[in-house]
C-alpha cells in the first residue's frame, strides 16, 4: 500500500497521471458505487482512475438514511435473494470491512394488532434473522425479541401507549455514508488507484464505435485532460442518462430518480433508546438515532427537476411529521426540525435490449417500454449495461450492496476487454482505519490523557477515523489550537477540518461542513456559525487569499439561505425554481 493522503499536492500529481497514463479502467462518478468499482478494480491488479464532478459522495451517497440493512419490506415483495445478499454485506461491513464506521443498531417494530400481526410480522423478522445467519457472517448481531407493550415502552417511552399493543425488537446497522465513501476512495488510492474530485467528464474519446476514455475537466482550473482507458465505467447514479447521452451510444439504462427526504430533530424530543419503525400507507419510515439527534425519513416520490440539489419542501416536512406523530406521545412541530436533507435514489425503470448479432450496431441497446409505476414499487436491484465496446454503465441498487454492484461492473468490464483478471477480493479487504481500531478503542482512556482530551472526544474521533486517529493527533501536536472545538459545533475539533483538507480531499467549505463532518445537517444554524472558523483553517492549506476565503464563507451562507427559502415552498416545482439559478456550488453538473 502507498500513502493515501488526498492532499492538494497529491491531487495535482494525480491529474498529471490521468493525462499521461493509459489506464485499464476509468471510473466516472465518485459516489459509493464509483468508489467501490475503483477499489474492486485496483485490488484485481488493474490500473484505475476515478473522477468525480463535485466532491466525493456529494450526491445521493451523502444523503441516504445512513442504514446498512437487508430491507425488511423486500421480504413482503418476496425478494429473498436481495435481502440475503444485503444481510451478508451488512455483516461483512460490520465485522470485517469497516468496524470503525459501521455500528449495529436496535430497532423497535411496534405492533398494533394482538394476534395475527405478532405472528405475521414475527415470522417475517424471524426469516430476516435466518437469512442473516445463513450467510455465515452474522456473529455479534442479536436475534429478534418479542416484547410486551410494557417492555416496549420501557425502551421507547416517547411512544404513545395507545399506538401499540406490543413490539418486536431486531437489529440492523448504521453508517456515516459520506465518510464511508471517502474511506473507500482512500483505500483504493492506497493500492495505487488515481482519485480526483472536482474533475468532470465533459466528453468521451472514441476509436470508431469503441469508447477509449474521456475528456476530464479540472473544475478548479478549467483545464481539460484527455484520459485514455481500455474500459470506461459510468457510475453516476441519478445522472446516468445524462452521462449516457454524453457518451453518444444510446441509452442502456433508464433511471427514474426518486427523492428521499429526511428531517433532523434533537434527541431530547423523542425519549427512546432504540430506533423506531413507523408504518405508512406506502412504505415505512424510520426514526434513527444519530448522535445528539434523530433522523426521520424517508419520502419516496418522483423527482423531475435539477439533480444537483434536490430540495425539501414544506409538504415533505408535513408528510413526515404527520406520520411520525401518529405514534408519539408528544407530537413534533415544524419548530422542532433542526435541519433537513434530500437525496435522489437512482431507481432502474428499464434496461436496454441488445440487438441480434446479425443486425447493424450489435453493441447498441434499445430501451424497453416502462410502465409508470409508483417509485415505491420499483426494484432496488442494480443493472449493468454495455452500450458500446469499451463502455460499461452501472446504476441502481442499495448502498448496502455497493460491493456486489462494483464486482458486477468490473466483471462486465473484464468481459468487454477479454483479458484475464483475478476475481473480486474486496470481501477480504479492510478499509483504511479498520486496522488497529479495536486496540485504539481499548486504549481510549490513555489516549484521552495523553492528548489532553476527554474520553468522549476520543471516542468521537475513533468512530470517525478508527486506526487512523494517530494522523489527527499528529495535527493537534503540531498546532495545539487544532485541539479546540469548532465554534457552533462543539462535538467537532478544529483538527478535523484540517484533516479533511490534508488527508481527505476537501476543496471547499461545503465539503467540510456537509460531508467530512456533518455540521451542516446537525445544527440549527446548518454550519453558518462555523463557516468562518473552518475557512481560516482551510485557507493556508489550499493557498486562499483573504478575498477568496471571504468569498467561500459568503457562498456557503448564501447556499444555506437559499435552501431555507426553498424549504418554505409547497411543492417540488416551486422549490426547484428557487435554487435552479443559484450561484456557487449549488448547481452540481
Protein backbone atom coordinates (compact mmCIF):
# COMPACT_ATOMS: atom_id res chain seq x y z
CA UNK A 1 0.00 0.00 0.00
CA UNK A 2 1.15 3.55 -0.72
CA UNK A 3 0.38 6.78 1.21
CA UNK A 4 -3.25 7.73 0.72
CA UNK A 5 -3.40 11.36 1.86
CA UNK A 6 -5.66 13.14 -0.64
CA UNK A 7 -3.94 16.48 -0.15
CA UNK A 8 -3.73 19.31 -2.73
CA UNK A 9 -0.28 18.20 -3.89
CA UNK A 10 -1.49 14.66 -4.45
CA UNK A 11 -4.44 15.97 -6.49
CA UNK A 12 -2.10 17.88 -8.86
CA UNK A 13 0.10 14.82 -9.27
CA UNK A 14 -2.91 12.59 -9.95
CA UNK A 15 -4.23 14.98 -12.62
CA UNK A 16 -0.87 14.68 -14.38
CA UNK A 17 -1.03 10.89 -14.11
CA UNK A 18 -4.55 10.84 -15.57
CA UNK A 19 -3.33 12.78 -18.61
CA UNK A 20 -0.20 10.67 -19.16
CA UNK A 21 -1.09 7.06 -18.32
CA UNK A 22 -3.11 4.53 -20.31
CA UNK A 23 -5.50 3.03 -17.76
CA UNK A 24 -7.23 -0.31 -17.72
CA UNK A 25 -10.33 1.26 -16.13
CA UNK A 26 -11.57 4.83 -15.83
CA UNK A 27 -14.49 5.24 -13.41
CA UNK A 28 -16.73 8.27 -13.85
CA UNK A 29 -18.60 9.03 -10.62
CA UNK A 30 -17.39 9.27 -7.03
CA UNK A 31 -20.36 8.07 -5.01
CA UNK A 32 -20.40 4.75 -3.20
CA UNK A 33 -20.72 2.71 -6.41
CA UNK A 34 -17.94 4.53 -8.27
CA UNK A 35 -15.67 4.36 -5.24
CA UNK A 36 -16.48 0.66 -4.85
CA UNK A 37 -15.75 -0.01 -8.54
CA UNK A 38 -12.36 1.70 -8.22
CA UNK A 39 -11.45 -0.39 -5.17
CA UNK A 40 -12.64 -3.63 -6.77
CA UNK A 41 -10.71 -2.99 -9.97
CA UNK A 42 -7.43 -1.89 -8.38
CA UNK A 43 -7.39 -4.86 -5.98
CA UNK A 44 -7.67 -7.17 -9.01
CA UNK A 45 -4.41 -5.72 -10.35
CA UNK A 46 -5.90 -3.28 -12.87
CA UNK A 47 -4.67 0.29 -13.34
CA UNK A 48 -7.54 2.54 -12.31
CA UNK A 49 -8.60 6.17 -12.22
CA UNK A 50 -11.79 7.53 -10.63
CA UNK A 51 -13.07 11.07 -11.18
CA UNK A 52 -15.96 12.92 -9.55
CA UNK A 53 -17.51 16.12 -10.92
CA UNK A 54 -18.08 17.60 -7.47
CA UNK A 55 -16.99 16.20 -4.12
CA UNK A 56 -16.75 12.57 -3.09
CA UNK A 57 -20.27 11.39 -2.11
CA UNK A 58 -21.74 14.82 -2.89
CA UNK A 59 -24.84 13.28 -4.50
CA UNK A 60 -27.05 10.52 -3.16
CA UNK A 61 -24.25 8.84 -1.22
CA UNK A 62 -24.14 11.56 1.44
CA UNK A 63 -27.92 11.92 1.72
CA UNK A 64 -29.12 8.39 2.42
CA UNK A 65 -30.83 7.08 5.56
CA UNK A 66 -27.37 6.04 6.84
CA UNK A 67 -28.61 2.43 7.06
CA UNK A 68 -26.88 -0.80 6.12
CA UNK A 69 -29.72 -3.29 6.12
CA UNK A 70 -31.33 -6.19 4.34
CA UNK A 71 -34.60 -4.36 3.82
CA UNK A 72 -37.48 -5.90 5.72
CA UNK A 73 -40.03 -4.60 3.23
CA UNK A 74 -38.34 -6.52 0.41
CA UNK A 75 -39.41 -9.70 2.17
CA UNK A 76 -43.01 -8.58 1.54
CA UNK A 77 -42.08 -8.38 -2.16
CA UNK A 78 -40.69 -11.95 -1.87
CA UNK A 79 -37.27 -10.74 -2.99
CA UNK A 80 -35.41 -13.16 -0.74
CA UNK A 81 -32.22 -13.10 -2.82
CA UNK A 82 -31.78 -9.34 -2.48
CA UNK A 83 -32.43 -9.49 1.28
CA UNK A 84 -29.98 -12.34 1.81
CA UNK A 85 -27.29 -10.60 -0.26
CA UNK A 86 -27.81 -7.34 1.61
CA UNK A 87 -27.66 -9.05 5.01
CA UNK A 88 -24.42 -10.78 4.08
CA UNK A 89 -22.95 -7.44 3.03
CA UNK A 90 -24.23 -5.73 6.19
CA UNK A 91 -22.46 -8.31 8.31
CA UNK A 92 -19.24 -8.16 6.30
CA UNK A 93 -19.11 -4.39 6.66
CA UNK A 94 -19.96 -4.55 10.35
CA UNK A 95 -17.40 -7.16 11.35
CA UNK A 96 -14.63 -7.19 8.75
CA UNK A 97 -14.55 -4.36 6.22
CA UNK A 98 -15.19 -1.27 8.36
CA UNK A 99 -15.91 -2.00 12.04
CA UNK A 100 -14.92 1.57 12.98
CA UNK A 101 -17.58 3.14 10.73
CA UNK A 102 -20.45 0.61 10.94
CA UNK A 103 -22.39 0.01 14.13
CA UNK A 104 -25.22 -2.37 14.97
CA UNK A 105 -28.43 -0.62 15.98
CA UNK A 106 -31.55 -1.97 17.74
CA UNK A 107 -34.90 -1.27 16.07
CA UNK A 108 -38.39 -1.37 17.56
CA UNK A 109 -41.23 -2.52 15.31
CA UNK A 110 -44.48 -1.51 17.08
CA UNK A 111 -47.42 -3.92 16.75
CA UNK A 112 -50.99 -2.61 16.53
CA UNK A 113 -52.90 -5.93 16.48
CA UNK A 114 -52.71 -8.50 19.25
CA UNK A 115 -52.56 -11.86 17.49
CA UNK A 116 -52.30 -12.04 13.72
CA UNK A 117 -49.78 -9.18 13.37
CA UNK A 118 -47.46 -10.59 16.01
CA UNK A 119 -47.49 -13.95 14.20
CA UNK A 120 -47.18 -12.45 10.71
CA UNK A 121 -44.52 -9.84 11.46
CA UNK A 122 -42.73 -12.12 13.89
CA UNK A 123 -42.43 -14.79 11.21
CA UNK A 124 -41.04 -12.21 8.77
CA UNK A 125 -38.43 -10.92 11.20
CA UNK A 126 -37.53 -14.49 12.19
CA UNK A 127 -36.92 -15.17 8.48
CA UNK A 128 -34.81 -11.98 8.40
CA UNK A 129 -32.66 -13.44 11.17
CA UNK A 130 -32.42 -16.81 9.42
CA UNK A 131 -31.36 -15.21 6.14
CA UNK A 132 -28.70 -13.29 8.05
CA UNK A 133 -27.41 -16.38 9.81
CA UNK A 134 -27.38 -18.34 6.55
CA UNK A 135 -24.68 -16.02 5.20
CA UNK A 136 -22.27 -17.32 7.83
CA UNK A 137 -21.25 -13.77 8.77
CA UNK A 138 -23.86 -12.79 11.36
CA UNK A 139 -21.87 -13.17 14.56
CA UNK A 140 -22.47 -10.36 17.01
CA UNK A 141 -25.91 -9.40 15.64
CA UNK A 142 -28.51 -10.36 18.28
CA UNK A 143 -31.64 -12.21 17.24
CA UNK A 144 -35.02 -10.52 17.45
CA UNK A 145 -37.16 -10.41 20.62
CA UNK A 146 -40.91 -10.35 21.12
CA UNK A 147 -41.89 -7.60 23.57
CA UNK A 148 -44.99 -6.76 25.55
CA UNK A 149 -46.35 -3.21 25.49
CA UNK A 150 -44.76 -2.53 28.88
CA UNK A 151 -41.31 -3.70 27.79
CA UNK A 152 -41.59 -1.82 24.51
CA UNK A 153 -42.47 1.42 26.30
CA UNK A 154 -39.55 0.90 28.66
CA UNK A 155 -37.25 1.02 25.62
CA UNK A 156 -39.15 3.82 23.89
CA UNK A 157 -41.13 5.82 26.45
CA UNK A 158 -41.74 8.52 23.86
CA UNK A 159 -44.23 6.29 22.04
CA UNK A 160 -47.93 6.83 22.62
CA UNK A 161 -49.21 3.92 24.67
CA UNK A 162 -52.38 3.56 22.59
CA UNK A 163 -50.37 3.32 19.35
CA UNK A 164 -49.11 -0.21 20.10
CA UNK A 165 -50.08 -3.44 21.82
CA UNK A 166 -46.55 -4.79 21.84
CA UNK A 167 -43.44 -4.73 19.67
CA UNK A 168 -40.61 -6.71 18.13
CA UNK A 169 -37.00 -5.66 18.63
CA UNK A 170 -34.49 -6.57 15.91
CA UNK A 171 -31.08 -5.35 14.76
CA UNK A 172 -29.62 -3.70 11.67
CA UNK A 173 -26.63 -1.37 11.18
CA UNK A 174 -25.88 2.31 10.65
CA UNK A 175 -23.04 4.14 8.90
CA UNK A 176 -21.92 7.68 8.16
CA UNK A 177 -22.46 7.30 4.42
CA UNK A 178 -20.24 10.18 3.27
CA UNK A 179 -17.29 9.23 5.48
CA UNK A 180 -17.57 5.64 4.29
CA UNK A 181 -17.22 6.73 0.64
CA UNK A 182 -14.12 8.80 1.42
CA UNK A 183 -12.53 5.80 3.14
CA UNK A 184 -13.32 3.56 0.16
CA UNK A 185 -11.66 6.09 -2.17
CA UNK A 186 -8.63 6.46 0.08
CA UNK A 187 -8.30 2.68 0.35
CA UNK A 188 -8.39 2.38 -3.46
CA UNK A 189 -5.74 5.11 -3.71
CA UNK A 190 -3.58 3.31 -1.15
CA UNK A 191 -3.48 0.33 -3.53
CA UNK A 192 -2.44 2.52 -6.47
CA UNK A 193 -5.65 3.97 -7.93
CA UNK A 194 -5.80 7.60 -9.09
CA UNK A 195 -8.60 9.56 -7.42
CA UNK A 196 -9.53 13.16 -8.32
CA UNK A 197 -12.61 15.05 -7.21
CA UNK A 198 -13.88 18.32 -8.74
CA UNK A 199 -12.98 16.75 -12.09
CA UNK A 200 -15.87 16.37 -14.55
CA UNK A 201 -16.12 14.13 -17.61
CA UNK A 202 -17.23 16.61 -20.30
CA UNK A 203 -16.82 14.30 -23.29
CA UNK A 204 -15.68 10.84 -24.30
CA UNK A 205 -12.84 9.66 -26.51
CA UNK A 206 -13.75 7.40 -29.40
CA UNK A 207 -11.93 4.94 -31.64
CA UNK A 208 -14.56 4.08 -34.23
CA UNK A 209 -17.53 2.63 -32.34
CA UNK A 210 -15.45 2.00 -29.24
CA UNK A 211 -15.05 4.29 -26.23
CA UNK A 212 -11.42 4.66 -25.21
CA UNK A 213 -11.54 7.17 -22.37
CA UNK A 214 -12.90 10.59 -21.50
CA UNK A 215 -12.17 14.29 -21.61
CA UNK A 216 -11.91 15.30 -17.95
CA UNK A 217 -12.12 18.96 -16.93
CA UNK A 218 -10.47 20.12 -13.74
CA UNK A 219 -13.26 22.33 -12.37
CA UNK A 220 -10.79 24.16 -10.13
CA UNK A 221 -8.75 25.45 -13.10
CA UNK A 222 -10.94 24.85 -16.17
CA UNK A 223 -8.18 22.81 -17.85
CA UNK A 224 -9.21 19.74 -19.89
CA UNK A 225 -7.28 16.46 -19.84
CA UNK A 226 -7.63 13.55 -22.26
CA UNK A 227 -7.75 10.39 -20.14
CA UNK A 228 -7.28 7.14 -22.05
CA UNK A 229 -8.60 3.83 -20.76
CA UNK A 230 -9.40 0.40 -22.13
CA UNK A 231 -12.79 0.49 -20.41
CA UNK A 232 -14.75 3.44 -19.05
CA UNK A 233 -17.35 2.65 -16.36
CA UNK A 234 -20.15 5.16 -15.80
CA UNK A 235 -21.28 5.07 -12.15
CA UNK A 236 -23.14 8.36 -11.99
CA UNK A 237 -26.33 7.37 -10.16
CA UNK A 238 -29.17 9.80 -10.80
CA UNK A 239 -27.09 11.34 -13.62
CA UNK A 240 -26.83 8.03 -15.50
CA UNK A 241 -28.91 9.09 -18.50
CA UNK A 242 -27.03 12.40 -18.76
CA UNK A 243 -23.65 10.70 -18.95
CA UNK A 244 -25.01 8.06 -21.32
CA UNK A 245 -26.19 10.83 -23.64
CA UNK A 246 -22.78 12.49 -23.44
CA UNK A 247 -21.14 9.21 -24.44
CA UNK A 248 -23.36 9.16 -27.54
CA UNK A 249 -24.08 5.42 -27.78
CA UNK A 250 -27.78 5.37 -26.95
CA UNK A 251 -29.40 4.60 -23.64
CA UNK A 252 -28.52 1.35 -21.93
CA UNK A 253 -30.35 2.05 -18.66
CA UNK A 254 -33.47 4.05 -17.92
CA UNK A 255 -33.15 5.61 -14.46
CA UNK A 256 -36.04 7.19 -12.61
CA UNK A 257 -34.88 9.47 -9.77
CA UNK A 258 -36.86 9.23 -6.56
CA UNK A 259 -36.49 11.89 -3.87
CA UNK A 260 -35.92 10.77 -0.30
CA UNK A 261 -36.24 13.46 2.37
CA UNK A 262 -35.09 13.29 6.00
CA UNK A 263 -35.67 15.53 9.00
CA UNK A 264 -33.18 16.09 11.81
CA UNK A 265 -34.60 16.76 15.28
CA UNK A 266 -32.98 16.91 18.74
CA UNK A 267 -32.56 13.59 20.52
CA UNK A 268 -34.35 15.03 23.54
CA UNK A 269 -37.61 15.40 21.58
CA UNK A 270 -38.24 11.63 21.40
CA UNK A 271 -37.38 9.68 24.56
CA UNK A 272 -36.13 6.32 23.27
CA UNK A 273 -33.05 4.10 23.47
CA UNK A 274 -33.83 2.34 20.16
CA UNK A 275 -34.63 3.23 16.55
CA UNK A 276 -38.33 3.09 15.70
CA UNK A 277 -40.11 1.75 12.62
CA UNK A 278 -43.26 3.65 11.60
CA UNK A 279 -45.63 2.05 9.10
CA UNK A 280 -47.22 4.22 6.40
CA UNK A 281 -49.78 3.51 3.70
CA UNK A 282 -46.97 3.27 1.12
CA UNK A 283 -43.90 2.05 2.93
CA UNK A 284 -42.15 2.54 6.27
CA UNK A 285 -40.48 5.46 8.00
CA UNK A 286 -37.53 5.18 10.34
CA UNK A 287 -36.72 7.22 13.40
CA UNK A 288 -32.97 6.71 13.64
CA UNK A 289 -30.53 7.71 16.40
CA UNK A 290 -27.75 9.97 15.14
CA UNK A 291 -25.51 11.30 17.91
CA UNK A 292 -27.48 14.03 19.70
CA UNK A 293 -30.19 13.89 17.06
CA UNK A 294 -32.85 11.75 15.42
CA UNK A 295 -33.09 11.27 11.66
CA UNK A 296 -36.68 10.83 10.49
CA UNK A 297 -37.27 9.55 6.97
CA UNK A 298 -37.78 8.93 4.27
CA UNK A 299 -40.10 10.01 1.49
CA UNK A 300 -40.19 8.23 -1.88
CA UNK A 301 -41.50 10.45 -4.67
CA UNK A 302 -40.71 11.14 -8.31
CA UNK A 303 -38.23 13.96 -8.97
CA UNK A 304 -38.33 15.61 -12.41
CA UNK A 305 -36.15 18.66 -11.85
CA UNK A 306 -32.49 19.59 -11.48
CA UNK A 307 -30.45 16.77 -9.97
CA UNK A 308 -27.73 18.95 -8.49
CA UNK A 309 -29.59 19.98 -5.37
CA UNK A 310 -32.93 18.28 -4.67
CA UNK A 311 -34.66 20.31 -2.02
CA UNK A 312 -37.06 19.56 0.79
CA UNK A 313 -40.44 21.29 0.72
CA UNK A 314 -42.98 22.24 3.36
CA UNK A 315 -45.08 19.36 2.01
CA UNK A 316 -42.28 16.86 2.68
CA UNK A 317 -41.88 18.10 6.25
CA UNK A 318 -45.62 17.93 6.84
CA UNK A 319 -45.82 14.37 5.45
CA UNK A 320 -43.04 13.08 7.69
CA UNK A 321 -44.27 14.86 10.83
CA UNK A 322 -47.85 13.71 10.31
CA UNK A 323 -46.83 10.06 10.09
CA UNK A 324 -44.35 10.03 12.94
CA UNK A 325 -46.71 11.98 15.21
CA UNK A 326 -49.26 9.18 14.97
CA UNK A 327 -47.07 7.10 17.28
CA UNK A 328 -45.53 9.77 19.54
CA UNK A 329 -46.84 10.77 22.94
CA UNK A 330 -45.64 14.36 22.44
CA UNK A 331 -46.08 15.40 18.78
CA UNK A 332 -43.25 17.12 16.94
CA UNK A 333 -43.81 20.53 15.36
CA UNK A 334 -42.01 22.22 12.45
CA UNK A 335 -40.14 24.31 15.03
CA UNK A 336 -38.53 21.11 16.34
CA UNK A 337 -36.87 20.44 12.98
CA UNK A 338 -33.21 21.50 13.14
CA UNK A 339 -32.30 20.63 9.58
CA UNK A 340 -33.42 18.66 6.54
CA UNK A 341 -31.68 16.89 3.67
CA UNK A 342 -32.85 15.19 0.49
CA UNK A 343 -31.21 12.79 -1.94
CA UNK A 344 -32.16 11.08 -5.20
CA UNK A 345 -32.38 7.30 -5.49
CA UNK A 346 -31.34 6.12 -8.98
CA UNK A 347 -34.09 3.53 -9.47
CA UNK A 348 -33.94 1.28 -12.52
CA UNK A 349 -37.14 1.72 -14.52
CA UNK A 350 -35.98 -0.08 -17.65
CA UNK A 351 -32.97 -1.68 -19.33
CA UNK A 352 -31.84 -1.87 -22.93
CA UNK A 353 -32.18 -4.93 -25.14
CA UNK A 354 -29.16 -6.00 -27.22
CA UNK A 355 -29.90 -6.38 -30.91
CA UNK A 356 -29.21 -9.68 -32.61
CA UNK A 357 -25.69 -10.43 -33.87
CA UNK A 358 -26.79 -10.14 -37.49
CA UNK A 359 -28.10 -6.61 -37.08
CA UNK A 360 -26.11 -3.45 -37.63
CA UNK A 361 -24.80 -1.89 -34.42
CA UNK A 362 -24.88 -5.12 -32.47
CA UNK A 363 -23.43 -3.42 -29.43
CA UNK A 364 -26.12 -0.78 -29.23
CA UNK A 365 -29.01 -1.09 -26.84
CA UNK A 366 -32.70 -0.48 -27.39
CA UNK A 367 -34.68 0.63 -24.27
CA UNK A 368 -37.77 -1.29 -23.22
CA UNK A 369 -41.06 0.49 -22.64
CA UNK A 370 -41.57 1.18 -18.97
CA UNK A 371 -44.87 1.21 -17.17
CA UNK A 372 -45.40 4.27 -14.97
CA UNK A 373 -45.40 2.53 -11.61
CA UNK A 374 -45.03 4.25 -8.24
CA UNK A 375 -41.39 4.67 -7.20
CA UNK A 376 -42.08 2.59 -4.08
CA UNK A 377 -42.79 -0.37 -6.39
CA UNK A 378 -39.63 -0.08 -8.48
CA UNK A 379 -36.85 -2.59 -7.89
CA UNK A 380 -33.90 -1.69 -5.64
CA UNK A 381 -31.69 -4.07 -7.60
CA UNK A 382 -28.90 -2.79 -9.82
CA UNK A 383 -28.41 -3.18 -13.55
CA UNK A 384 -25.38 -3.24 -15.86
CA UNK A 385 -25.41 -2.01 -19.47
CA UNK A 386 -22.76 -2.30 -22.22
CA UNK A 387 -23.86 0.13 -24.91
CA UNK A 388 -20.56 0.01 -26.85
CA UNK A 389 -17.12 -1.60 -26.80
CA UNK A 390 -15.09 -0.05 -24.01
CA UNK A 391 -18.10 1.37 -22.17
CA UNK A 392 -19.98 -0.06 -19.17
CA UNK A 393 -22.91 1.62 -17.41
CA UNK A 394 -23.99 0.68 -13.87
CA UNK A 395 -26.81 2.12 -11.79
CA UNK A 396 -29.49 1.27 -9.23
CA UNK A 397 -29.10 -0.95 -6.21
CA UNK A 398 -28.79 -0.34 -2.48
CA UNK A 399 -25.97 1.37 -0.62
CA UNK A 400 -25.60 -1.82 1.44
CA UNK A 401 -24.79 -3.92 -1.63
CA UNK A 402 -22.32 -1.48 -3.20
CA UNK A 403 -19.53 -4.09 -3.11
CA UNK A 404 -21.57 -6.59 -5.15
CA UNK A 405 -22.61 -3.86 -7.60
CA UNK A 406 -18.95 -2.92 -8.05
CA UNK A 407 -17.97 -6.56 -8.57
CA UNK A 408 -20.56 -7.00 -11.32
CA UNK A 409 -19.47 -3.78 -13.04
CA UNK A 410 -15.82 -4.81 -13.09
CA UNK A 411 -16.78 -8.31 -14.26
CA UNK A 412 -18.59 -6.65 -17.17
CA UNK A 413 -15.55 -4.51 -17.94
CA UNK A 414 -13.24 -7.52 -17.89
CA UNK A 415 -15.57 -9.37 -20.24
CA UNK A 416 -15.54 -6.48 -22.69
CA UNK A 417 -11.75 -6.31 -22.72
CA UNK A 418 -11.35 -10.09 -22.80
CA UNK A 419 -8.13 -10.13 -20.76
CA UNK A 420 -7.55 -12.39 -17.81
CA UNK A 421 -8.11 -10.76 -14.45
CA UNK A 422 -8.35 -12.19 -10.94
CA UNK A 423 -11.78 -12.44 -9.35
CA UNK A 424 -13.05 -9.83 -6.90
CA UNK A 425 -11.43 -9.97 -3.45
CA UNK A 426 -12.98 -6.94 -1.72
CA UNK A 427 -14.80 -9.18 0.75
CA UNK A 428 -11.33 -9.68 2.27
CA UNK A 429 -10.17 -6.05 2.04
CA UNK A 430 -10.40 -3.88 5.14
CA UNK A 431 -10.90 -0.16 4.65
CA UNK A 432 -8.30 2.23 5.98
CA UNK A 433 -8.97 2.88 9.66
CA UNK A 434 -10.14 -0.67 10.36
CA UNK A 435 -6.70 -1.96 11.28
CA UNK A 436 -5.83 -1.01 14.83
CA UNK A 437 -9.31 0.30 15.63
CA UNK A 438 -10.12 -2.19 18.38
CA UNK A 439 -6.73 -1.68 20.02
CA UNK A 440 -7.15 2.08 19.96
CA UNK A 441 -10.68 1.74 21.33
CA UNK A 442 -9.37 -0.27 24.27
CA UNK A 443 -6.75 2.45 24.83
CA UNK A 444 -9.18 5.38 24.66
CA UNK A 445 -8.73 6.45 28.28
CA UNK A 446 -4.94 6.53 27.91
CA UNK A 447 -5.25 8.38 24.59
CA UNK A 448 -7.50 10.99 26.18
CA UNK A 449 -5.00 11.65 28.95
CA UNK A 450 -2.05 11.66 26.55
CA UNK A 451 -3.60 14.23 24.19
CA UNK A 452 -5.43 16.41 26.69
CA UNK A 453 -8.91 15.43 25.50
CA UNK A 454 -11.97 13.98 27.17
CA UNK A 455 -12.76 10.29 26.72
CA UNK A 456 -15.93 11.31 24.84
CA UNK A 457 -13.85 13.34 22.38
CA UNK A 458 -11.51 10.41 21.75
CA UNK A 459 -14.46 8.06 21.25
CA UNK A 460 -15.91 10.52 18.72
CA UNK A 461 -12.61 10.54 16.81
CA UNK A 462 -12.28 6.75 16.91
CA UNK A 463 -15.78 6.29 15.47
CA UNK A 464 -14.81 8.57 12.59
CA UNK A 465 -11.15 7.73 11.88
CA UNK A 466 -10.58 4.36 13.54
CA UNK A 467 -6.96 3.29 13.46
CA UNK A 468 -6.03 6.44 11.51
CA UNK A 469 -6.73 8.59 14.58
CA UNK A 470 -2.98 8.99 15.06
CA UNK A 471 -2.93 11.22 11.97
CA UNK A 472 -5.46 13.53 13.62
CA UNK A 473 -3.48 13.55 16.87
CA UNK A 474 -0.34 14.49 14.89
CA UNK A 475 -2.09 17.60 13.55
CA UNK A 476 -3.02 18.62 17.11
CA UNK A 477 0.57 18.09 18.24
CA UNK A 478 1.88 20.38 15.51
CA UNK A 479 -0.71 23.07 16.32
CA UNK A 480 -2.36 22.90 19.73
CA UNK A 481 -5.17 25.26 18.65
CA UNK A 482 -6.50 22.43 16.49
CA UNK A 483 -7.46 20.53 19.66
CA UNK A 484 -10.14 23.15 20.36
CA UNK A 485 -13.82 22.56 19.43
CA UNK A 486 -15.16 24.33 16.37
CA UNK A 487 -17.46 27.28 17.16
CA UNK A 488 -21.13 26.42 16.86
CA UNK A 489 -20.33 22.70 16.71
CA UNK A 490 -18.54 21.67 19.89
CA UNK A 491 -18.76 17.94 19.05
CA UNK A 492 -16.11 18.50 16.36
CA UNK A 493 -12.49 19.57 16.82
CA UNK A 494 -10.69 22.08 14.62
CA UNK A 495 -8.22 19.33 13.68
CA UNK A 496 -11.00 17.57 11.79
CA UNK A 497 -11.30 20.48 9.37
CA UNK A 498 -7.53 20.48 8.81
CA UNK A 499 -7.56 16.71 8.35
CA UNK A 500 -10.35 16.99 5.77
CA UNK A 501 -8.10 19.13 3.55
CA UNK A 502 -4.78 17.43 4.27
CA UNK A 503 -5.95 13.82 4.02
CA UNK A 504 -9.47 13.61 2.59
CA UNK A 505 -9.54 15.81 -0.49
CA UNK A 506 -11.82 18.60 0.79
CA UNK A 507 -11.64 21.62 -1.54
CA UNK A 508 -14.43 23.89 -0.32
CA UNK A 509 -16.19 24.81 2.92
CA UNK A 510 -19.24 22.78 1.90
CA UNK A 511 -17.07 19.66 1.63
CA UNK A 512 -16.03 20.03 5.27
CA UNK A 513 -19.34 21.13 6.77
CA UNK A 514 -21.64 18.78 4.84
CA UNK A 515 -19.61 15.61 4.28
CA UNK A 516 -16.26 15.33 6.14
CA UNK A 517 -18.17 16.49 9.21
CA UNK A 518 -21.97 16.62 9.35
CA UNK A 519 -22.18 20.06 10.95
CA UNK A 520 -24.37 21.36 8.13
CA UNK A 521 -27.05 18.75 8.88
CA UNK A 522 -26.66 18.50 12.64
CA UNK A 523 -27.03 22.13 13.74
CA UNK A 524 -29.92 24.55 13.60
CA UNK A 525 -27.60 27.15 12.02
CA UNK A 526 -26.52 24.50 9.46
CA UNK A 527 -22.88 25.42 9.67
CA UNK A 528 -23.17 29.17 9.13
CA UNK A 529 -21.75 29.87 12.60
CA UNK A 530 -18.83 27.53 11.90
CA UNK A 531 -18.00 28.54 8.33
CA UNK A 532 -15.64 31.42 9.20
CA UNK A 533 -13.52 29.30 11.54
CA UNK A 534 -13.34 26.45 9.01
CA UNK A 535 -12.34 28.86 6.24
CA UNK A 536 -9.44 30.17 8.35
CA UNK A 537 -8.19 26.61 8.84
CA UNK A 538 -8.57 25.72 5.15
CA UNK A 539 -7.07 28.91 3.69
CA UNK A 540 -3.33 28.28 4.29
CA UNK A 541 -3.68 24.62 3.31
CA UNK A 542 -5.30 25.49 -0.05
CA UNK A 543 -3.48 28.76 -0.72
CA UNK A 544 -6.54 31.01 -0.43
CA UNK A 545 -6.01 34.74 -0.07
CA UNK A 546 -8.28 36.87 2.12
CA UNK A 547 -10.69 37.65 -0.70
CA UNK A 548 -11.08 34.00 -1.64
CA UNK A 549 -11.57 32.98 1.97
CA UNK A 550 -14.31 35.57 2.45
CA UNK A 551 -15.94 34.55 -0.83
CA UNK A 552 -16.06 30.92 0.27
CA UNK A 553 -17.79 31.86 3.51
CA UNK A 554 -20.28 34.11 1.76
CA UNK A 555 -21.05 31.46 -0.89
CA UNK A 556 -21.75 28.87 1.78
CA UNK A 557 -24.00 31.16 3.78
CA UNK A 558 -25.89 32.15 0.63
CA UNK A 559 -26.48 28.49 -0.21
CA UNK A 560 -27.92 27.82 3.23
CA UNK A 561 -30.17 30.89 2.93
CA UNK A 562 -31.46 29.78 -0.49
CA UNK A 563 -32.18 26.28 0.74
CA UNK A 564 -34.06 27.61 3.76
CA UNK A 565 -36.20 29.73 1.42
CA UNK A 566 -36.84 26.76 -0.88
CA UNK A 567 -37.98 24.67 2.09
CA UNK A 568 -40.94 27.01 2.54
CA UNK A 569 -42.25 26.15 -0.93
CA UNK A 570 -45.32 23.96 -1.11
CA UNK A 571 -44.10 21.64 -3.88
CA UNK A 572 -41.01 20.44 -5.75
CA UNK A 573 -41.51 22.68 -8.77
CA UNK A 574 -41.64 25.87 -6.75
CA UNK A 575 -38.72 24.82 -4.55
CA UNK A 576 -36.56 23.88 -7.52
CA UNK A 577 -37.15 27.23 -9.18
CA UNK A 578 -35.69 28.98 -6.17
CA UNK A 579 -32.36 27.13 -6.35
CA UNK A 580 -32.11 26.41 -10.08
CA UNK A 581 -30.08 29.53 -10.84
CA UNK A 582 -28.23 29.64 -7.52
CA UNK A 583 -24.56 30.70 -7.61
CA UNK A 584 -21.57 28.78 -6.36
CA UNK A 585 -21.67 25.08 -5.70
CA UNK A 586 -25.45 24.74 -5.74
CA UNK A 587 -25.59 23.87 -9.42
CA UNK A 588 -23.93 20.47 -9.47
CA UNK A 589 -23.23 19.27 -13.05
